[in-house]
Amino acid sequence: MRDPDLLVELLRKMNDADDGSLVEPQVWGADQNRRHHLDLLDDAGQARWNDNKSIIRITNDGYDFLNAIEKSPGARKKFLELFEKGIRYVTVVQKVIEVVDKLAK
């Protein structure tokens, strides 16, 4: 099951790292849920694994989304609301960014 709070938390951790990445070696018995959510961020284009899938880094799309939900009042709430309605994650992300962009103008 996808956890939107965990997806945002992982983006924040990458954002907070000096090089925008997390070291996540594949280890038997490691937190598979966390790893799965990192794969989902890669699927959505918000993060990218290196060639051997041991380091993942945030992308510009990931930064844009994180910036949108952290800088605009209500954007995170709207994200969670739309996500819980069953709208595709990438669609929700794009809608939130578009709304924040319009408000900034």
N, C-alpha and C. Protein backbone atom coordinates (compact mmCIF):
# COMPACT_ATOMS: atom_id res chain seq x y z
N MET A 1 0.84 -1.18 0.00
CA MET A 1 0.00 0.00 0.00
C MET A 1 0.88 1.24 0.00
N ARG A 2 0.50 2.19 -0.82
CA ARG A 2 1.27 3.43 -0.87
C ARG A 2 0.94 4.33 0.32
N ASP A 3 1.98 4.91 0.89
CA ASP A 3 1.82 5.80 2.03
C ASP A 3 2.29 7.19 1.59
N PRO A 4 1.37 8.13 1.36
CA PRO A 4 1.77 9.45 0.89
C PRO A 4 2.69 10.19 1.85
N ASP A 5 2.49 9.98 3.15
CA ASP A 5 3.36 10.63 4.14
C ASP A 5 4.79 10.11 4.03
N LEU A 6 4.94 8.82 3.81
CA LEU A 6 6.28 8.24 3.66
C LEU A 6 6.94 8.75 2.37
N LEU A 7 6.18 8.87 1.30
CA LEU A 7 6.74 9.39 0.05
C LEU A 7 7.30 10.80 0.27
N VAL A 8 6.53 11.64 0.95
CA VAL A 8 6.98 13.01 1.23
C VAL A 8 8.19 13.00 2.17
N GLU A 9 8.15 12.16 3.20
CA GLU A 9 9.27 12.06 4.14
C GLU A 9 10.57 11.68 3.41
N LEU A 10 10.49 10.73 2.50
CA LEU A 10 11.69 10.31 1.76
C LEU A 10 12.20 11.43 0.86
N LEU A 11 11.30 12.16 0.23
CA LEU A 11 11.74 13.31 -0.57
C LEU A 11 12.43 14.35 0.32
N ARG A 12 11.88 14.57 1.50
CA ARG A 12 12.50 15.53 2.44
C ARG A 12 13.91 15.09 2.84
N LYS A 13 14.07 13.79 3.09
CA LYS A 13 15.39 13.30 3.47
C LYS A 13 16.40 13.51 2.35
N MET A 14 15.97 13.27 1.12
CA MET A 14 16.88 13.52 -0.01
C MET A 14 17.16 15.01 -0.13
N ASN A 15 16.14 15.83 0.04
CA ASN A 15 16.28 17.28 -0.03
C ASN A 15 17.28 17.79 1.01
N ASP A 16 17.23 17.20 2.19
CA ASP A 16 18.10 17.65 3.28
C ASP A 16 19.55 17.19 3.15
N ALA A 17 19.79 16.19 2.31
CA ALA A 17 21.17 15.71 2.12
C ALA A 17 21.93 16.69 1.23
N ASP A 18 23.19 16.89 1.52
CA ASP A 18 24.02 17.83 0.75
C ASP A 18 24.01 17.54 -0.74
N ASP A 19 24.00 16.27 -1.10
CA ASP A 19 24.04 15.91 -2.52
C ASP A 19 22.68 15.45 -3.05
N GLY A 20 21.62 15.60 -2.24
CA GLY A 20 20.27 15.25 -2.67
C GLY A 20 20.03 13.76 -2.81
N SER A 21 20.82 12.95 -2.12
CA SER A 21 20.66 11.51 -2.30
C SER A 21 20.62 10.77 -0.96
N LEU A 22 20.17 9.53 -1.06
CA LEU A 22 20.17 8.61 0.07
C LEU A 22 20.88 7.33 -0.35
N VAL A 23 21.66 6.79 0.55
CA VAL A 23 22.29 5.49 0.30
C VAL A 23 21.34 4.44 0.85
N GLU A 24 20.91 3.54 -0.03
CA GLU A 24 19.94 2.50 0.33
C GLU A 24 20.37 1.18 -0.29
N PRO A 25 21.42 0.56 0.23
CA PRO A 25 21.83 -0.72 -0.36
C PRO A 25 20.76 -1.79 -0.16
N GLN A 26 20.64 -2.68 -1.14
CA GLN A 26 19.69 -3.78 -1.02
C GLN A 26 20.28 -4.80 -0.05
N VAL A 27 19.63 -4.94 1.08
CA VAL A 27 20.10 -5.85 2.12
C VAL A 27 18.93 -6.73 2.53
N TRP A 28 19.17 -8.03 2.59
CA TRP A 28 18.14 -8.95 3.02
C TRP A 28 17.67 -8.57 4.42
N GLY A 29 16.37 -8.47 4.59
CA GLY A 29 15.82 -8.13 5.89
C GLY A 29 15.70 -6.64 6.14
N ALA A 30 16.14 -5.83 5.19
CA ALA A 30 16.04 -4.37 5.35
C ALA A 30 14.57 -3.96 5.24
N ASP A 31 14.31 -2.71 5.50
CA ASP A 31 12.95 -2.19 5.45
C ASP A 31 12.44 -2.19 4.01
N GLN A 32 11.72 -3.25 3.66
CA GLN A 32 11.24 -3.41 2.28
C GLN A 32 10.16 -2.40 1.93
N ASN A 33 9.37 -1.96 2.91
CA ASN A 33 8.36 -0.95 2.65
C ASN A 33 9.00 0.38 2.23
N ARG A 34 10.05 0.76 2.93
CA ARG A 34 10.79 1.98 2.59
C ARG A 34 11.37 1.87 1.19
N ARG A 35 11.97 0.76 0.91
CA ARG A 35 12.58 0.53 -0.41
C ARG A 35 11.50 0.57 -1.51
N HIS A 36 10.37 -0.02 -1.24
CA HIS A 36 9.26 0.00 -2.19
C HIS A 36 8.82 1.44 -2.48
N HIS A 37 8.74 2.25 -1.46
CA HIS A 37 8.34 3.65 -1.65
C HIS A 37 9.40 4.44 -2.42
N LEU A 38 10.65 4.11 -2.22
CA LEU A 38 11.70 4.74 -3.03
C LEU A 38 11.54 4.33 -4.50
N ASP A 39 11.20 3.08 -4.74
CA ASP A 39 10.93 2.63 -6.11
C ASP A 39 9.75 3.40 -6.70
N LEU A 40 8.72 3.65 -5.91
CA LEU A 40 7.57 4.41 -6.39
C LEU A 40 7.96 5.84 -6.76
N LEU A 41 8.83 6.46 -5.97
CA LEU A 41 9.31 7.80 -6.31
C LEU A 41 10.09 7.78 -7.62
N ASP A 42 10.85 6.72 -7.83
CA ASP A 42 11.56 6.55 -9.10
C ASP A 42 10.56 6.38 -10.24
N ASP A 43 9.55 5.56 -10.03
CA ASP A 43 8.52 5.36 -11.05
C ASP A 43 7.86 6.69 -11.44
N ALA A 44 7.64 7.57 -10.45
CA ALA A 44 6.96 8.84 -10.68
C ALA A 44 7.89 9.93 -11.22
N GLY A 45 9.19 9.63 -11.31
CA GLY A 45 10.14 10.62 -11.82
C GLY A 45 10.58 11.64 -10.79
N GLN A 46 10.27 11.41 -9.52
CA GLN A 46 10.68 12.35 -8.49
C GLN A 46 12.02 12.00 -7.87
N ALA A 47 12.50 10.82 -8.16
CA ALA A 47 13.82 10.37 -7.70
C ALA A 47 14.35 9.39 -8.74
N ARG A 48 15.66 9.19 -8.73
CA ARG A 48 16.29 8.25 -9.67
C ARG A 48 17.33 7.42 -8.94
N TRP A 49 17.26 6.09 -9.17
CA TRP A 49 18.27 5.18 -8.66
C TRP A 49 19.52 5.29 -9.52
N ASN A 50 20.69 5.03 -8.90
CA ASN A 50 21.90 4.89 -9.69
C ASN A 50 21.87 3.51 -10.36
N ASP A 51 22.88 3.17 -11.13
CA ASP A 51 22.86 1.94 -11.92
C ASP A 51 22.72 0.67 -11.10
N ASN A 52 23.29 0.62 -9.92
CA ASN A 52 23.19 -0.62 -9.13
C ASN A 52 22.12 -0.55 -8.04
N LYS A 53 21.27 0.46 -8.11
CA LYS A 53 20.15 0.64 -7.17
C LYS A 53 20.59 0.63 -5.71
N SER A 54 21.67 1.33 -5.42
CA SER A 54 22.10 1.46 -4.03
C SER A 54 22.04 2.91 -3.55
N ILE A 55 21.95 3.85 -4.49
CA ILE A 55 21.85 5.27 -4.15
C ILE A 55 20.71 5.85 -4.97
N ILE A 56 19.86 6.62 -4.31
CA ILE A 56 18.75 7.27 -5.00
C ILE A 56 18.86 8.77 -4.74
N ARG A 57 18.59 9.55 -5.78
CA ARG A 57 18.69 11.00 -5.62
C ARG A 57 17.39 11.66 -6.08
N ILE A 58 17.09 12.79 -5.48
CA ILE A 58 15.90 13.55 -5.84
C ILE A 58 16.12 14.20 -7.21
N THR A 59 15.05 14.33 -7.98
CA THR A 59 15.12 14.99 -9.29
C THR A 59 14.52 16.39 -9.19
N ASN A 60 14.60 17.14 -10.28
CA ASN A 60 13.96 18.45 -10.30
C ASN A 60 12.46 18.34 -10.04
N ASP A 61 11.82 17.32 -10.59
CA ASP A 61 10.39 17.12 -10.34
C ASP A 61 10.13 16.89 -8.86
N GLY A 62 10.99 16.15 -8.22
CA GLY A 62 10.85 15.92 -6.78
C GLY A 62 11.00 17.20 -5.99
N TYR A 63 12.00 18.02 -6.35
CA TYR A 63 12.17 19.31 -5.69
C TYR A 63 10.96 20.21 -5.90
N ASP A 64 10.44 20.24 -7.15
CA ASP A 64 9.28 21.08 -7.45
C ASP A 64 8.08 20.71 -6.60
N PHE A 65 7.82 19.42 -6.49
CA PHE A 65 6.69 18.96 -5.70
C PHE A 65 6.89 19.28 -4.22
N LEU A 66 8.06 18.98 -3.70
CA LEU A 66 8.34 19.24 -2.29
C LEU A 66 8.22 20.73 -1.99
N ASN A 67 8.75 21.56 -2.87
CA ASN A 67 8.65 23.00 -2.70
C ASN A 67 7.18 23.44 -2.68
N ALA A 68 6.38 22.89 -3.58
CA ALA A 68 4.97 23.27 -3.67
C ALA A 68 4.22 22.95 -2.39
N ILE A 69 4.40 21.76 -1.84
CA ILE A 69 3.62 21.38 -0.66
C ILE A 69 4.16 22.00 0.62
N GLU A 70 5.39 22.49 0.59
CA GLU A 70 5.95 23.08 1.81
C GLU A 70 5.85 24.60 1.83
N LYS A 71 5.70 25.22 0.68
CA LYS A 71 5.70 26.68 0.62
C LYS A 71 4.30 27.29 0.52
N SER A 72 3.32 26.50 0.15
CA SER A 72 1.98 27.03 -0.06
C SER A 72 1.01 26.49 0.99
N PRO A 73 0.33 27.40 1.70
CA PRO A 73 -0.64 26.94 2.69
C PRO A 73 -1.73 26.09 2.02
N GLY A 74 -2.01 24.98 2.60
CA GLY A 74 -3.06 24.12 2.10
C GLY A 74 -2.67 23.17 0.99
N ALA A 75 -1.47 23.34 0.39
CA ALA A 75 -1.08 22.48 -0.73
C ALA A 75 -0.89 21.03 -0.28
N ARG A 76 -0.29 20.83 0.86
CA ARG A 76 -0.10 19.46 1.35
C ARG A 76 -1.45 18.81 1.66
N LYS A 77 -2.34 19.60 2.26
CA LYS A 77 -3.67 19.09 2.56
C LYS A 77 -4.40 18.71 1.28
N LYS A 78 -4.30 19.54 0.26
CA LYS A 78 -4.94 19.26 -1.02
C LYS A 78 -4.34 18.01 -1.66
N PHE A 79 -3.02 17.87 -1.56
CA PHE A 79 -2.34 16.68 -2.08
C PHE A 79 -2.92 15.42 -1.44
N LEU A 80 -3.00 15.40 -0.11
CA LEU A 80 -3.50 14.23 0.60
C LEU A 80 -4.98 13.97 0.26
N GLU A 81 -5.74 15.05 0.16
CA GLU A 81 -7.16 14.92 -0.17
C GLU A 81 -7.36 14.27 -1.55
N LEU A 82 -6.66 14.77 -2.55
CA LEU A 82 -6.79 14.22 -3.91
C LEU A 82 -6.25 12.79 -3.98
N PHE A 83 -5.14 12.55 -3.30
CA PHE A 83 -4.54 11.21 -3.29
C PHE A 83 -5.51 10.20 -2.68
N GLU A 84 -6.14 10.58 -1.57
CA GLU A 84 -7.08 9.68 -0.89
C GLU A 84 -8.33 9.42 -1.73
N LYS A 85 -8.64 10.31 -2.67
CA LYS A 85 -9.78 10.10 -3.56
C LYS A 85 -9.46 9.07 -4.64
N GLY A 86 -8.21 8.67 -4.72
CA GLY A 86 -7.83 7.65 -5.70
C GLY A 86 -7.28 8.19 -7.01
N ILE A 87 -7.02 9.49 -7.05
CA ILE A 87 -6.44 10.07 -8.26
C ILE A 87 -4.98 9.63 -8.35
N ARG A 88 -4.52 9.35 -9.56
CA ARG A 88 -3.14 8.88 -9.76
C ARG A 88 -2.14 9.84 -9.11
N TYR A 89 -1.12 9.28 -8.49
CA TYR A 89 -0.11 10.06 -7.78
C TYR A 89 0.50 11.15 -8.66
N VAL A 90 0.94 10.78 -9.86
CA VAL A 90 1.59 11.78 -10.71
C VAL A 90 0.61 12.87 -11.13
N THR A 91 -0.66 12.53 -11.28
CA THR A 91 -1.67 13.53 -11.62
C THR A 91 -1.88 14.49 -10.45
N VAL A 92 -1.95 13.94 -9.25
CA VAL A 92 -2.10 14.77 -8.05
C VAL A 92 -0.92 15.71 -7.90
N VAL A 93 0.27 15.19 -8.06
CA VAL A 93 1.49 16.00 -7.94
C VAL A 93 1.44 17.16 -8.94
N GLN A 94 1.10 16.86 -10.18
CA GLN A 94 1.06 17.90 -11.21
C GLN A 94 0.01 18.96 -10.89
N LYS A 95 -1.17 18.54 -10.42
CA LYS A 95 -2.23 19.47 -10.07
C LYS A 95 -1.79 20.40 -8.94
N VAL A 96 -1.15 19.85 -7.92
CA VAL A 96 -0.69 20.66 -6.79
C VAL A 96 0.34 21.68 -7.26
N ILE A 97 1.28 21.27 -8.07
CA ILE A 97 2.30 22.19 -8.58
C ILE A 97 1.66 23.29 -9.42
N GLU A 98 0.71 22.93 -10.28
CA GLU A 98 0.03 23.92 -11.12
C GLU A 98 -0.72 24.94 -10.28
N VAL A 99 -1.41 24.50 -9.24
CA VAL A 99 -2.15 25.42 -8.38
C VAL A 99 -1.20 26.37 -7.67
N VAL A 100 -0.11 25.86 -7.15
CA VAL A 100 0.87 26.70 -6.46
C VAL A 100 1.49 27.71 -7.43
N ASP A 101 1.79 27.26 -8.66
CA ASP A 101 2.33 28.17 -9.68
C ASP A 101 1.36 29.31 -9.97
N LYS A 102 0.07 29.01 -10.08
CA LYS A 102 -0.94 30.05 -10.35
C LYS A 102 -1.03 31.03 -9.20
N LEU A 103 -0.97 30.53 -7.98
CA LEU A 103 -1.05 31.40 -6.81
C LEU A 103 0.16 32.31 -6.70
N ALA A 104 1.30 31.86 -7.19
CA ALA A 104 2.53 32.64 -7.10
C ALA A 104 2.57 33.80 -8.09
N LYS A 105 1.71 33.76 -9.08
CA LYS A 105 1.71 34.81 -10.13
C LYS A 105 0.90 36.00 -9.74
